[in-house]
C-alpha atoms as a PDB file:
ATOM      1  CA  MET A   1     -48.256  39.702  28.727  1.00  0.00           C
ATOM      2  CA  SER A   2     -44.592  39.813  29.742  1.00  0.00           C
ATOM      3  CA  ASP A   3     -42.491  42.907  28.949  1.00  0.00           C
ATOM      4  CA  GLU A   4     -39.471  40.655  28.078  1.00  0.00           C
ATOM      5  CA  SER A   5     -40.725  39.491  24.678  1.00  0.00           C
ATOM      6  CA  VAL A   6     -38.308  38.167  22.067  1.00  0.00           C
ATOM      7  CA  SER A   7     -38.565  39.356  18.493  1.00  0.00           C
ATOM      8  CA  PRO A   8     -37.506  37.399  15.361  1.00  0.00           C
ATOM      9  CA  ASN A   9     -34.701  39.918  14.848  1.00  0.00           C
ATOM     10  CA  ASP A  10     -33.292  39.058  18.286  1.00  0.00           C
ATOM     11  CA  ASN A  11     -33.215  35.365  17.343  1.00  0.00           C
ATOM     12  CA  GLN A  12     -31.395  36.096  14.097  1.00  0.00           C
ATOM     13  CA  THR A  13     -28.858  38.233  15.957  1.00  0.00           C
ATOM     14  CA  SER A  14     -28.171  35.427  18.479  1.00  0.00           C
ATOM     15  CA  THR A  15     -27.745  32.905  15.663  1.00  0.00           C
ATOM     16  CA  ARG A  16     -25.277  35.157  13.863  1.00  0.00           C
ATOM     17  CA  GLN A  17     -23.278  35.700  17.082  1.00  0.00           C
ATOM     18  CA  ALA A  18     -23.110  31.943  17.782  1.00  0.00           C
ATOM     19  CA  ALA A  19     -21.977  31.253  14.217  1.00  0.00           C
ATOM     20  CA  SER A  20     -19.341  33.992  14.473  1.00  0.00           C
ATOM     21  CA  GLU A  21     -17.993  32.571  17.762  1.00  0.00           C
ATOM     22  CA  SER A  22     -17.900  29.056  16.275  1.00  0.00           C
ATOM     23  CA  ALA A  23     -16.003  30.287  13.217  1.00  0.00           C
ATOM     24  CA  SER A  24     -13.455  32.075  15.387  1.00  0.00           C
ATOM     25  CA  GLN A  25     -12.564  28.873  17.268  1.00  0.00           C
ATOM     26  CA  PRO A  26      -9.710  26.836  15.697  1.00  0.00           C
ATOM     27  CA  ALA A  27     -10.791  23.616  14.009  1.00  0.00           C
ATOM     28  CA  PRO A  28      -9.608  20.445  15.775  1.00  0.00           C
ATOM     29  CA  MET A  29      -6.308  19.238  14.371  1.00  0.00           C
ATOM     30  CA  SER A  30      -6.223  15.919  12.525  1.00  0.00           C
ATOM     31  CA  ALA A  31      -4.060  13.092  13.827  1.00  0.00           C
ATOM     32  CA  GLN A  32      -2.904  12.344  10.272  1.00  0.00           C
ATOM     33  CA  PRO A  33       0.447  14.171  10.589  1.00  0.00           C
ATOM     34  CA  GLN A  34       1.250  12.068  13.657  1.00  0.00           C
ATOM     35  CA  LEU A  35       0.256   8.888  11.836  1.00  0.00           C
ATOM     36  CA  ASP A  36       2.395   9.819   8.843  1.00  0.00           C
ATOM     37  CA  SER A  37       5.343  10.549  11.126  1.00  0.00           C
ATOM     38  CA  LEU A  38       4.963   7.203  12.904  1.00  0.00           C
ATOM     39  CA  ALA A  39       4.748   5.324   9.601  1.00  0.00           C
ATOM     40  CA  ALA A  40       7.910   7.065   8.381  1.00  0.00           C
ATOM     41  CA  LYS A  41       9.782   6.206  11.588  1.00  0.00           C
ATOM     42  CA  LEU A  42       8.733   2.562  11.291  1.00  0.00           C
ATOM     43  CA  ALA A  43       9.958   2.535   7.699  1.00  0.00           C
ATOM     44  CA  GLU A  44      13.326   3.880   8.844  1.00  0.00           C
ATOM     45  CA  THR A  45      13.727   0.800  11.025  1.00  0.00           C
ATOM     46  CA  GLY A  46      12.904  -1.435   8.036  1.00  0.00           C
ATOM     47  CA  TYR A  47       9.350  -2.198   9.146  1.00  0.00           C
ATOM     48  CA  VAL A  48       6.666  -1.660   6.498  1.00  0.00           C
ATOM     49  CA  ALA A  49       3.346  -1.000   8.244  1.00  0.00           C
ATOM     50  CA  ASP A  50      -0.099  -0.503   6.746  1.00  0.00           C
ATOM     51  CA  PRO A  51      -2.329   2.415   7.851  1.00  0.00           C
ATOM     52  CA  ASP A  52      -4.494   0.264  10.130  1.00  0.00           C
ATOM     53  CA  LEU A  53      -1.489  -0.944  12.117  1.00  0.00           C
ATOM     54  CA  VAL A  54      -0.068   2.571  12.356  1.00  0.00           C
ATOM     55  CA  ALA A  55      -3.403   3.798  13.714  1.00  0.00           C
ATOM     56  CA  SER A  56      -3.480   0.978  16.286  1.00  0.00           C
ATOM     57  CA  LEU A  57       0.038   1.812  17.468  1.00  0.00           C
ATOM     58  CA  HIS A  58      -0.897   5.482  17.747  1.00  0.00           C
ATOM     59  CA  LEU A  59      -3.979   4.664  19.824  1.00  0.00           C
ATOM     60  CA  MET A  60      -1.901   2.369  22.022  1.00  0.00           C
ATOM     61  CA  GLU A  61       0.373   5.316  22.782  1.00  0.00           C
ATOM     62  CA  VAL A  62      -2.420   7.854  23.348  1.00  0.00           C
ATOM     63  CA  LEU A  63      -4.738   5.615  25.364  1.00  0.00           C
ATOM     64  CA  GLN A  64      -1.899   3.793  27.183  1.00  0.00           C
ATOM     65  CA  LYS A  65      -3.547   0.439  26.540  1.00  0.00           C
ATOM     66  CA  PRO A  66      -1.921  -2.864  25.567  1.00  0.00           C
ATOM     67  CA  LEU A  67      -2.143  -3.909  21.917  1.00  0.00           C
ATOM     68  CA  LEU A  68      -2.993  -7.534  21.115  1.00  0.00           C
ATOM     69  CA  ILE A  69      -1.718  -8.604  17.690  1.00  0.00           C
ATOM     70  CA  GLU A  70      -2.842 -11.896  16.179  1.00  0.00           C
ATOM     71  CA  GLY A  71      -1.700 -13.569  12.989  1.00  0.00           C
ATOM     72  CA  GLU A  72       0.080 -16.528  11.494  1.00  0.00           C
ATOM     73  CA  ALA A  73       3.645 -17.280  12.487  1.00  0.00           C
ATOM     74  CA  GLY A  74       6.265 -15.338  10.581  1.00  0.00           C
ATOM     75  CA  VAL A  75       4.160 -12.357   9.498  1.00  0.00           C
ATOM     76  CA  GLY A  76       6.035  -9.826  11.656  1.00  0.00           C
ATOM     77  CA  LYS A  77       4.211  -9.573  14.973  1.00  0.00           C
ATOM     78  CA  THR A  78       7.355  -9.662  17.111  1.00  0.00           C
ATOM     79  CA  GLY A  79       9.100  -7.226  14.787  1.00  0.00           C
ATOM     80  CA  ILE A  80       6.635  -4.497  15.755  1.00  0.00           C
ATOM     81  CA  ALA A  81       7.953  -4.459  19.325  1.00  0.00           C
ATOM     82  CA  ARG A  82      11.556  -4.274  18.135  1.00  0.00           C
ATOM     83  CA  ALA A  83      10.696  -1.417  15.780  1.00  0.00           C
ATOM     84  CA  LEU A  84       8.918   0.505  18.564  1.00  0.00           C
ATOM     85  CA  ALA A  85      11.917   0.117  20.868  1.00  0.00           C
ATOM     86  CA  ASP A  86      14.173   1.486  18.115  1.00  0.00           C
ATOM     87  CA  ILE A  87      11.855   4.418  17.443  1.00  0.00           C
ATOM     88  CA  HIS A  88      11.603   5.466  21.086  1.00  0.00           C
ATOM     89  CA  GLY A  89      15.205   4.612  21.933  1.00  0.00           C
ATOM     90  CA  CYS A  90      14.124   2.492  24.894  1.00  0.00           C
ATOM     91  CA  ASP A  91      14.685  -1.023  26.189  1.00  0.00           C
ATOM     92  CA  LEU A  92      12.739  -3.981  24.857  1.00  0.00           C
ATOM     93  CA  ILE A  93      11.724  -6.403  27.616  1.00  0.00           C
ATOM     94  CA  ARG A  94      10.453  -9.715  26.290  1.00  0.00           C
ATOM     95  CA  LEU A  95       8.395 -12.337  28.087  1.00  0.00           C
ATOM     96  CA  GLN A  96       8.277 -15.536  26.027  1.00  0.00           C
ATOM     97  CA  CYS A  97       5.162 -17.448  27.012  1.00  0.00           C
ATOM     98  CA  TYR A  98       4.924 -21.227  27.261  1.00  0.00           C
ATOM     99  CA  GLU A  99       2.739 -23.847  28.900  1.00  0.00           C
ATOM    100  CA  GLY A 100       3.247 -23.812  32.655  1.00  0.00           C
ATOM    101  CA  LEU A 101       4.518 -20.220  32.864  1.00  0.00           C
ATOM    102  CA  ASP A 102       3.935 -18.933  36.402  1.00  0.00           C
ATOM    103  CA  ALA A 103       4.477 -15.843  38.544  1.00  0.00           C
ATOM    104  CA  GLN A 104       7.967 -16.947  39.553  1.00  0.00           C
ATOM    105  CA  HIS A 105       9.184 -16.675  35.972  1.00  0.00           C
ATOM    106  CA  ALA A 106       6.949 -13.805  34.848  1.00  0.00           C
ATOM    107  CA  LEU A 107       6.992 -11.465  37.876  1.00  0.00           C
ATOM    108  CA  TYR A 108       9.806 -12.080  40.347  1.00  0.00           C
ATOM    109  CA  GLU A 109      11.655 -14.575  42.487  1.00  0.00           C
ATOM    110  CA  TRP A 110      14.101 -14.337  45.358  1.00  0.00           C
ATOM    111  CA  ASP A 111      17.804 -14.964  44.915  1.00  0.00           C
ATOM    112  CA  TYR A 112      17.818 -17.982  47.219  1.00  0.00           C
ATOM    113  CA  GLN A 113      21.511 -18.754  46.825  1.00  0.00           C
ATOM    114  CA  ARG A 114      22.557 -15.284  47.965  1.00  0.00           C
ATOM    115  CA  GLN A 115      19.991 -15.343  50.755  1.00  0.00           C
ATOM    116  CA  LEU A 116      21.307 -18.697  52.010  1.00  0.00           C
ATOM    117  CA  LEU A 117      24.889 -17.431  51.877  1.00  0.00           C
ATOM    118  CA  ALA A 118      23.954 -14.351  53.908  1.00  0.00           C
ATOM    119  CA  LEU A 119      22.264 -16.511  56.547  1.00  0.00           C
ATOM    120  CA  GLN A 120      25.269 -18.829  56.740  1.00  0.00           C
ATOM    121  CA  LEU A 121      27.595 -15.865  57.260  1.00  0.00           C
ATOM    122  CA  THR A 122      25.324 -14.546  60.002  1.00  0.00           C
ATOM    123  CA  GLY A 123      25.272 -17.915  61.770  1.00  0.00           C
ATOM    124  CA  SER A 124      29.064 -18.309  61.612  1.00  0.00           C
ATOM    125  CA  ASN A 125      29.586 -14.875  63.223  1.00  0.00           C
ATOM    126  CA  LYS A 126      27.505 -15.864  66.287  1.00  0.00           C
ATOM    127  CA  ASN A 127      25.470 -12.690  66.183  1.00  0.00           C
ATOM    128  CA  THR A 128      22.709 -11.806  68.627  1.00  0.00           C
ATOM    129  CA  SER A 129      19.065 -12.528  67.963  1.00  0.00           C
ATOM    130  CA  GLU A 130      18.591  -8.864  67.009  1.00  0.00           C
ATOM    131  CA  ASP A 131      21.355  -9.163  64.430  1.00  0.00           C
ATOM    132  CA  ASN A 132      19.757 -12.316  63.054  1.00  0.00           C
ATOM    133  CA  LEU A 133      16.400 -10.545  62.755  1.00  0.00           C
ATOM    134  CA  SER A 134      18.085  -7.649  60.964  1.00  0.00           C
ATOM    135  CA  THR A 135      19.753 -10.081  58.551  1.00  0.00           C
ATOM    136  CA  GLN A 136      16.449 -11.769  57.781  1.00  0.00           C
ATOM    137  CA  GLN A 137      14.929  -8.386  57.030  1.00  0.00           C
ATOM    138  CA  GLN A 138      17.859  -7.488  54.781  1.00  0.00           C
ATOM    139  CA  ILE A 139      17.692 -10.648  52.713  1.00  0.00           C
ATOM    140  CA  TYR A 140      14.091  -9.848  51.878  1.00  0.00           C
ATOM    141  CA  SER A 141      15.016  -6.481  50.451  1.00  0.00           C
ATOM    142  CA  ASP A 142      15.154  -5.178  46.904  1.00  0.00           C
ATOM    143  CA  ASP A 143      18.835  -6.182  46.682  1.00  0.00           C
ATOM    144  CA  TYR A 144      17.883  -9.871  46.765  1.00  0.00           C
ATOM    145  CA  LEU A 145      14.866  -9.571  44.456  1.00  0.00           C
ATOM    146  CA  LEU A 146      15.225 -10.940  40.920  1.00  0.00           C
ATOM    147  CA  LYS A 147      12.867  -8.942  38.731  1.00  0.00           C
ATOM    148  CA  ARG A 148      11.376 -10.929  35.891  1.00  0.00           C
ATOM    149  CA  PRO A 149       9.942  -9.270  32.735  1.00  0.00           C
ATOM    150  CA  LEU A 150       6.594  -8.007  34.089  1.00  0.00           C
ATOM    151  CA  LEU A 151       8.037  -6.482  37.256  1.00  0.00           C
ATOM    152  CA  ALA A 152      11.111  -5.199  35.412  1.00  0.00           C
ATOM    153  CA  ALA A 153       8.893  -3.330  32.930  1.00  0.00           C
ATOM    154  CA  ILE A 154       6.698  -1.834  35.643  1.00  0.00           C
ATOM    155  CA  SER A 155       9.574  -0.750  37.883  1.00  0.00           C
ATOM    156  CA  SER A 156      11.624   0.793  35.076  1.00  0.00           C
ATOM    157  CA  PRO A 157      12.181   4.529  35.703  1.00  0.00           C
ATOM    158  CA  THR A 158      11.590   5.256  31.996  1.00  0.00           C
ATOM    159  CA  PRO A 159       8.982   3.783  29.618  1.00  0.00           C
ATOM    160  CA  VAL A 160       9.981   0.514  27.968  1.00  0.00           C
ATOM    161  CA  VAL A 161       8.438  -1.713  25.328  1.00  0.00           C
ATOM    162  CA  LEU A 162       7.086  -4.868  26.963  1.00  0.00           C
ATOM    163  CA  LEU A 163       6.618  -7.746  24.516  1.00  0.00           C
ATOM    164  CA  ILE A 164       4.453 -10.595  25.822  1.00  0.00           C
ATOM    165  CA  ASP A 165       5.147 -13.023  23.023  1.00  0.00           C
ATOM    166  CA  GLU A 166       2.849 -15.915  22.046  1.00  0.00           C
ATOM    167  CA  VAL A 167       0.503 -15.371  24.977  1.00  0.00           C
ATOM    168  CA  ASP A 168      -1.774 -18.099  23.612  1.00  0.00           C
ATOM    169  CA  ARG A 169       0.847 -20.713  24.571  1.00  0.00           C
ATOM    170  CA  ALA A 170       0.465 -19.904  28.280  1.00  0.00           C
ATOM    171  CA  ASP A 171      -2.223 -21.384  30.530  1.00  0.00           C
ATOM    172  CA  GLU A 172      -5.491 -19.667  31.401  1.00  0.00           C
ATOM    173  CA  GLU A 173      -4.194 -19.208  34.956  1.00  0.00           C
ATOM    174  CA  PHE A 174      -1.431 -17.014  33.605  1.00  0.00           C
ATOM    175  CA  GLU A 175      -4.015 -14.863  31.824  1.00  0.00           C
ATOM    176  CA  ALA A 176      -5.570 -14.073  35.208  1.00  0.00           C
ATOM    177  CA  LEU A 177      -2.181 -13.005  36.537  1.00  0.00           C
ATOM    178  CA  LEU A 178      -1.599 -10.925  33.425  1.00  0.00           C
ATOM    179  CA  LEU A 179      -4.975  -9.200  33.747  1.00  0.00           C
ATOM    180  CA  GLU A 180      -4.231  -8.240  37.338  1.00  0.00           C
ATOM    181  CA  THR A 181      -0.867  -6.805  36.376  1.00  0.00           C
ATOM    182  CA  LEU A 182      -2.030  -4.885  33.292  1.00  0.00           C
ATOM    183  CA  SER A 183      -5.171  -3.482  34.908  1.00  0.00           C
ATOM    184  CA  ASP A 184      -3.356  -1.187  37.351  1.00  0.00           C
ATOM    185  CA  PHE A 185       0.261  -1.648  36.236  1.00  0.00           C
ATOM    186  CA  GLN A 186       1.348  -2.652  39.704  1.00  0.00           C
ATOM    187  CA  VAL A 187       2.751  -5.775  41.348  1.00  0.00           C
ATOM    188  CA  SER A 188       2.435  -6.780  44.989  1.00  0.00           C
ATOM    189  CA  VAL A 189       5.397  -8.462  46.693  1.00  0.00           C
ATOM    190  CA  PRO A 190       4.295  -9.645  50.170  1.00  0.00           C
ATOM    191  CA  GLU A 191       7.704  -9.060  51.764  1.00  0.00           C
ATOM    192  CA  LEU A 192       8.193  -5.581  50.273  1.00  0.00           C
ATOM    193  CA  GLY A 193       4.793  -4.126  49.444  1.00  0.00           C
ATOM    194  CA  THR A 194       3.414  -2.897  46.137  1.00  0.00           C
ATOM    195  CA  PHE A 195       5.522  -1.828  43.171  1.00  0.00           C
ATOM    196  CA  LYS A 196       3.635   0.811  41.212  1.00  0.00           C
ATOM    197  CA  ALA A 197       4.663   1.742  37.711  1.00  0.00           C
ATOM    198  CA  HIS A 198       6.975   4.749  37.511  1.00  0.00           C
ATOM    199  CA  SER A 199       5.996   4.977  33.846  1.00  0.00           C
ATOM    200  CA  ILE A 200       3.449   3.061  31.788  1.00  0.00           C
ATOM    201  CA  PRO A 201       5.193   0.570  29.469  1.00  0.00           C
ATOM    202  CA  ARG A 202       4.166   0.168  25.853  1.00  0.00           C
ATOM    203  CA  VAL A 203       2.719  -3.341  25.899  1.00  0.00           C
ATOM    204  CA  ILE A 204       2.527  -5.588  22.831  1.00  0.00           C
ATOM    205  CA  LEU A 205       0.910  -9.026  23.147  1.00  0.00           C
ATOM    206  CA  THR A 206       1.206 -11.475  20.259  1.00  0.00           C
ATOM    207  CA  SER A 207      -0.827 -14.593  19.543  1.00  0.00           C
ATOM    208  CA  ASN A 208      -0.744 -17.296  16.872  1.00  0.00           C
ATOM    209  CA  ALA A 209      -4.300 -18.319  17.832  1.00  0.00           C
ATOM    210  CA  ILE A 210      -3.187 -21.749  19.076  1.00  0.00           C
ATOM    211  CA  ARG A 211      -5.963 -21.463  21.660  1.00  0.00           C
ATOM    212  CA  GLU A 212      -8.740 -18.955  22.194  1.00  0.00           C
ATOM    213  CA  LEU A 213      -7.875 -16.119  24.568  1.00  0.00           C
ATOM    214  CA  SER A 214     -10.314 -15.063  27.260  1.00  0.00           C
ATOM    215  CA  ASP A 215     -12.820 -12.285  26.629  1.00  0.00           C
ATOM    216  CA  ALA A 216     -11.499 -10.457  29.694  1.00  0.00           C
ATOM    217  CA  LEU A 217      -8.002 -10.213  28.211  1.00  0.00           C
ATOM    218  CA  ARG A 218      -9.331  -9.138  24.831  1.00  0.00           C
ATOM    219  CA  ARG A 219     -11.416  -6.376  26.437  1.00  0.00           C
ATOM    220  CA  ARG A 220      -8.332  -5.078  28.186  1.00  0.00           C
ATOM    221  CA  CYS A 221      -6.452  -4.633  24.910  1.00  0.00           C
ATOM    222  CA  LEU A 222      -6.656  -2.899  21.578  1.00  0.00           C
ATOM    223  CA  TYR A 223      -6.687  -5.414  18.729  1.00  0.00           C
ATOM    224  CA  HIS A 224      -5.018  -5.817  15.339  1.00  0.00           C
ATOM    225  CA  TYR A 225      -4.760  -8.785  12.978  1.00  0.00           C
ATOM    226  CA  ILE A 226      -1.840  -9.290  10.598  1.00  0.00           C
ATOM    227  CA  ASP A 227      -2.527 -11.459   7.580  1.00  0.00           C
ATOM    228  CA  TYR A 228      -0.065 -12.632   4.949  1.00  0.00           C
ATOM    229  CA  PRO A 229       0.827  -9.524   2.936  1.00  0.00           C
ATOM    230  CA  SER A 230      -0.254  -8.780  -0.597  1.00  0.00           C
ATOM    231  CA  ALA A 231       2.387  -9.192  -3.285  1.00  0.00           C
ATOM    232  CA  ARG A 232       3.012  -5.477  -3.549  1.00  0.00           C
ATOM    233  CA  LYS A 233       3.355  -5.108   0.209  1.00  0.00           C
ATOM    234  CA  GLU A 234       5.705  -8.072   0.444  1.00  0.00           C
ATOM    235  CA  LEU A 235       7.840  -6.658  -2.354  1.00  0.00           C
ATOM    236  CA  ASN A 236       8.176  -3.395  -0.413  1.00  0.00           C
ATOM    237  CA  ILE A 237       9.208  -5.389   2.665  1.00  0.00           C
ATOM    238  CA  VAL A 238      11.912  -7.276   0.744  1.00  0.00           C
ATOM    239  CA  ARG A 239      13.241  -4.016  -0.712  1.00  0.00           C
ATOM    240  CA  ALA A 240      13.340  -2.407   2.734  1.00  0.00           C
ATOM    241  CA  ARG A 241      15.020  -5.311   4.514  1.00  0.00           C
ATOM    242  CA  LEU A 242      17.386  -6.347   1.700  1.00  0.00           C
ATOM    243  CA  PRO A 243      18.450  -3.115   0.000  1.00  0.00           C
ATOM    244  CA  GLY A 244      21.158  -4.929  -1.992  1.00  0.00           C
ATOM    245  CA  ILE A 245      18.755  -7.220  -3.858  1.00  0.00           C
ATOM    246  CA  SER A 246      18.144  -6.673  -7.572  1.00  0.00           C
ATOM    247  CA  GLU A 247      14.684  -5.715  -8.743  1.00  0.00           C
ATOM    248  CA  ASP A 248      14.313  -8.854 -10.873  1.00  0.00           C
ATOM    249  CA  LEU A 249      15.290 -11.205  -8.068  1.00  0.00           C
ATOM    250  CA  ALA A 250      13.035  -9.413  -5.561  1.00  0.00           C
ATOM    251  CA  LEU A 251      10.057  -9.702  -7.920  1.00  0.00           C
ATOM    252  CA  GLN A 252      10.719 -13.345  -8.721  1.00  0.00           C
ATOM    253  CA  ALA A 253      11.223 -14.345  -5.081  1.00  0.00           C
ATOM    254  CA  VAL A 254       8.068 -12.566  -3.904  1.00  0.00           C
ATOM    255  CA  TRP A 255       5.823 -13.922  -6.618  1.00  0.00           C
ATOM    256  CA  PHE A 256       7.169 -17.454  -6.164  1.00  0.00           C
ATOM    257  CA  VAL A 257       6.319 -17.312  -2.449  1.00  0.00           C
ATOM    258  CA  GLN A 258       2.920 -15.777  -3.207  1.00  0.00           C
ATOM    259  CA  ASN A 259       2.143 -18.695  -5.545  1.00  0.00           C
ATOM    260  CA  LEU A 260       3.591 -21.178  -3.065  1.00  0.00           C
ATOM    261  CA  ARG A 261       1.132 -19.986  -0.405  1.00  0.00           C
ATOM    262  CA  ARG A 262      -1.694 -21.149  -2.659  1.00  0.00           C
ATOM    263  CA  GLU A 263      -0.412 -24.705  -2.449  1.00  0.00           C
ATOM    264  CA  THR A 264      -1.670 -27.172   0.149  1.00  0.00           C
ATOM    265  CA  LEU A 265       1.180 -27.080   2.649  1.00  0.00           C
ATOM    266  CA  ARG A 266       1.525 -28.119   6.275  1.00  0.00           C
ATOM    267  CA  LYS A 267       3.432 -24.926   7.085  1.00  0.00           C
ATOM    268  CA  THR A 268       2.699 -21.924   4.900  1.00  0.00           C
ATOM    269  CA  PRO A 269       5.787 -19.710   4.561  1.00  0.00           C
ATOM    270  CA  GLY A 270       5.525 -16.307   6.200  1.00  0.00           C
ATOM    271  CA  VAL A 271       7.341 -13.070   5.477  1.00  0.00           C
ATOM    272  CA  ALA A 272      10.227 -14.232   7.649  1.00  0.00           C
ATOM    273  CA  GLU A 273      10.736 -17.198   5.308  1.00  0.00           C
ATOM    274  CA  THR A 274      10.540 -14.926   2.262  1.00  0.00           C
ATOM    275  CA  LEU A 275      13.307 -12.746   3.676  1.00  0.00           C
ATOM    276  CA  ASP A 276      15.418 -15.759   4.646  1.00  0.00           C
ATOM    277  CA  TRP A 277      15.038 -17.253   1.176  1.00  0.00           C
ATOM    278  CA  ALA A 278      15.827 -13.994  -0.614  1.00  0.00           C
ATOM    279  CA  ALA A 279      18.917 -13.597   1.574  1.00  0.00           C
ATOM    280  CA  SER A 280      19.920 -17.188   0.727  1.00  0.00           C
ATOM    281  CA  LEU A 281      19.601 -16.460  -2.988  1.00  0.00           C
ATOM    282  CA  LEU A 282      21.838 -13.424  -2.550  1.00  0.00           C
ATOM    283  CA  ALA A 283      24.356 -15.559  -0.675  1.00  0.00           C
ATOM    284  CA  MET A 284      24.329 -17.996  -3.612  1.00  0.00           C
ATOM    285  CA  LYS A 285      25.141 -15.087  -5.966  1.00  0.00           C
ATOM    286  CA  ILE A 286      21.838 -15.490  -7.812  1.00  0.00           C
ATOM    287  CA  HIS A 287      20.499 -12.450  -9.652  1.00  0.00           C
ATOM    288  CA  ASN A 288      17.782 -13.988 -11.813  1.00  0.00           C
ATOM    289  CA  LEU A 289      15.892 -17.187 -10.980  1.00  0.00           C
ATOM    290  CA  GLU A 290      14.845 -17.710 -14.589  1.00  0.00           C
ATOM    291  CA  ASP A 291      18.440 -18.592 -15.392  1.00  0.00           C
ATOM    292  CA  SER A 292      18.937 -20.715 -12.241  1.00  0.00           C
ATOM    293  CA  LEU A 293      15.862 -22.853 -11.649  1.00  0.00           C
ATOM    294  CA  ASP A 294      17.956 -25.587 -10.054  1.00  0.00           C
ATOM    295  CA  VAL A 295      18.939 -23.150  -7.290  1.00  0.00           C
ATOM    296  CA  ILE A 296      15.359 -23.039  -6.028  1.00  0.00           C
ATOM    297  CA  ASP A 297      15.532 -26.700  -5.069  1.00  0.00           C
ATOM    298  CA  SER A 298      18.896 -26.312  -3.335  1.00  0.00           C
ATOM    299  CA  THR A 299      17.702 -23.336  -1.245  1.00  0.00           C
ATOM    300  CA  LEU A 300      14.322 -24.703  -0.138  1.00  0.00           C
ATOM    301  CA  ALA A 301      15.756 -25.176   3.362  1.00  0.00           C
ATOM    302  CA  SER A 302      15.191 -21.447   3.903  1.00  0.00           C
ATOM    303  CA  LEU A 303      11.615 -21.531   2.681  1.00  0.00           C
ATOM    304  CA  VAL A 304      10.040 -24.873   3.575  1.00  0.00           C
ATOM    305  CA  LYS A 305      10.080 -26.123   7.157  1.00  0.00           C
ATOM    306  CA  THR A 306       8.499 -29.594   7.137  1.00  0.00           C
ATOM    307  CA  ARG A 307       9.538 -32.864   5.488  1.00  0.00           C
ATOM    308  CA  ALA A 308       6.105 -33.367   3.911  1.00  0.00           C
ATOM    309  CA  ASP A 309       6.205 -29.949   2.222  1.00  0.00           C
ATOM    310  CA  LEU A 310       9.769 -30.525   1.068  1.00  0.00           C
ATOM    311  CA  LEU A 311       8.874 -33.838  -0.530  1.00  0.00           C
ATOM    312  CA  HIS A 312       5.854 -32.246  -2.190  1.00  0.00           C
ATOM    313  CA  LEU A 313       7.919 -29.489  -3.790  1.00  0.00           C
ATOM    314  CA  ARG A 314      10.699 -31.840  -4.851  1.00  0.00           C
ATOM    315  CA  SER A 315       8.320 -34.100  -6.731  1.00  0.00           C
ATOM    316  CA  ASP A 316       8.648 -33.973 -10.514  1.00  0.00           C
ATOM    317  CA  GLY A 317       7.877 -30.593 -12.010  1.00  0.00           C
ATOM    318  CA  GLU A 318       6.379 -28.932  -8.916  1.00  0.00           C
ATOM    319  CA  VAL A 319       8.944 -26.146  -8.518  1.00  0.00           C
ATOM    320  CA  GLU A 320       8.943 -25.454 -12.257  1.00  0.00           C
ATOM    321  CA  ARG A 321       5.138 -25.398 -12.329  1.00  0.00           C
ATOM    322  CA  ILE A 322       4.985 -22.857  -9.530  1.00  0.00           C
ATOM    323  CA  PHE A 323       7.758 -20.786 -11.059  1.00  0.00           C
ATOM    324  CA  LYS A 324       6.299 -20.738 -14.570  1.00  0.00           C
ATOM    325  CA  GLY A 325       3.073 -19.355 -13.188  1.00  0.00           C
ATOM    326  CA  ASN A 326       5.134 -16.506 -11.753  1.00  0.00           C
ATOM    327  CA  PRO A 327       3.552 -13.161 -12.729  1.00  0.00           C
ATOM    328  CA  ALA A 328       6.939 -11.431 -12.359  1.00  0.00           C
ATOM    329  CA  ILE A 329       8.224 -13.497 -15.294  1.00  0.00           C
ATOM    330  CA  GLU A 330       5.051 -12.993 -17.327  1.00  0.00           C
ATOM    331  CA  GLY A 331       5.076  -9.257 -16.678  1.00  0.00           C
ATOM    332  CA  GLY A 332       1.777  -9.008 -14.811  1.00  0.00           C
ATOM    333  CA  ASP A 333       1.141  -7.252 -11.516  1.00  0.00           C
ATOM    334  CA  GLY A 334       0.511 -10.580  -9.870  1.00  0.00           C
ATOM    335  CA  PRO A 335      -2.244 -11.748  -7.558  1.00  0.00           C
ATOM    336  CA  ALA A 336      -2.246 -11.045  -3.870  1.00  0.00           C
ATOM    337  CA  HIS A 337      -2.610 -13.803  -1.301  1.00  0.00           C
ATOM    338  CA  LYS A 338      -6.069 -15.312  -1.397  1.00  0.00           C
ATOM    339  CA  THR A 339      -7.178 -13.302   1.637  1.00  0.00           C
ATOM    340  CA  GLY A 340      -6.358 -10.097  -0.220  1.00  0.00           C
ATOM    341  CA  GLN A 341      -5.566  -8.176   2.984  1.00  0.00           C
ATOM    342  CA  GLU A 342      -2.687  -5.759   3.225  1.00  0.00           C
ATOM    343  CA  SER A 343      -0.313  -6.450   6.070  1.00  0.00           C
ATOM    344  CA  THR A 344       3.123  -5.907   7.465  1.00  0.00           C
ATOM    345  CA  SER A 345       6.433  -7.573   7.805  1.00  0.00           C
END
């Protein structure tokens, strides 16, 4: 039998010591104060964000990963990038995507006119072959390089917000280029070498889901979806963005748009249209829609964006029908959009 036996009392002593050491260690701090601070800063810029979006933006910052935001047009996807740039006091670099977008317009191109002028000046001076070689080397220098959004964001000495807007409009070939750039945050220029990021940009990608994005791009990014906001959320957005609007008009405008979204329309109005319409009503010196139903018809240009929808709403009794079902007039809290999901502006 071994002399180094362990008694039950020894086990109890070890357990008590471990518990005492664990109790003496500080509990891990919650990220909630940081989330609350970020939400407050967004609100100061006029952007009303729900907790899920705030958490996604916080993770984007901590993990230094791009954030892909999908949603219908006009729900505030682009506004997130502008708000972030305001919060951090940095530049916003925007790459607007479209079909046929290539590296020349997304990464860089050479200033061919200046290069040609430099070569012409060299030829007119009858320089030696060594001088000509030196000139050719000079024209392929950083001075003649036109940095497009992706390269400009990577080569910035301080962090910027890079908005890659409507990425679903670009071709699949561009996605491959984007993946290569975002994977290591570096760009190779054959004549100059590799540009590595001095600082990691805060990258926001937006999509209206016009086409399905590749799995590879989705894996590279964090993800958030913005739906049409609930009535209460949209009311908060209108109050934040139009501080001069009366409470009655804000309620009536929001509930009218909420009811309008339940109609069969070709283009459902987003938050951007709500804000435009509310601003139009203010410009028309309207303070209460109940007393000015005819104004709704005359201001539909701010709210409805297709001829078919305009004709539908201008048919007999349609505007009045939608307005009379307005919970703001009836005094109820009002229904949210049929999806029922909280969202942002």
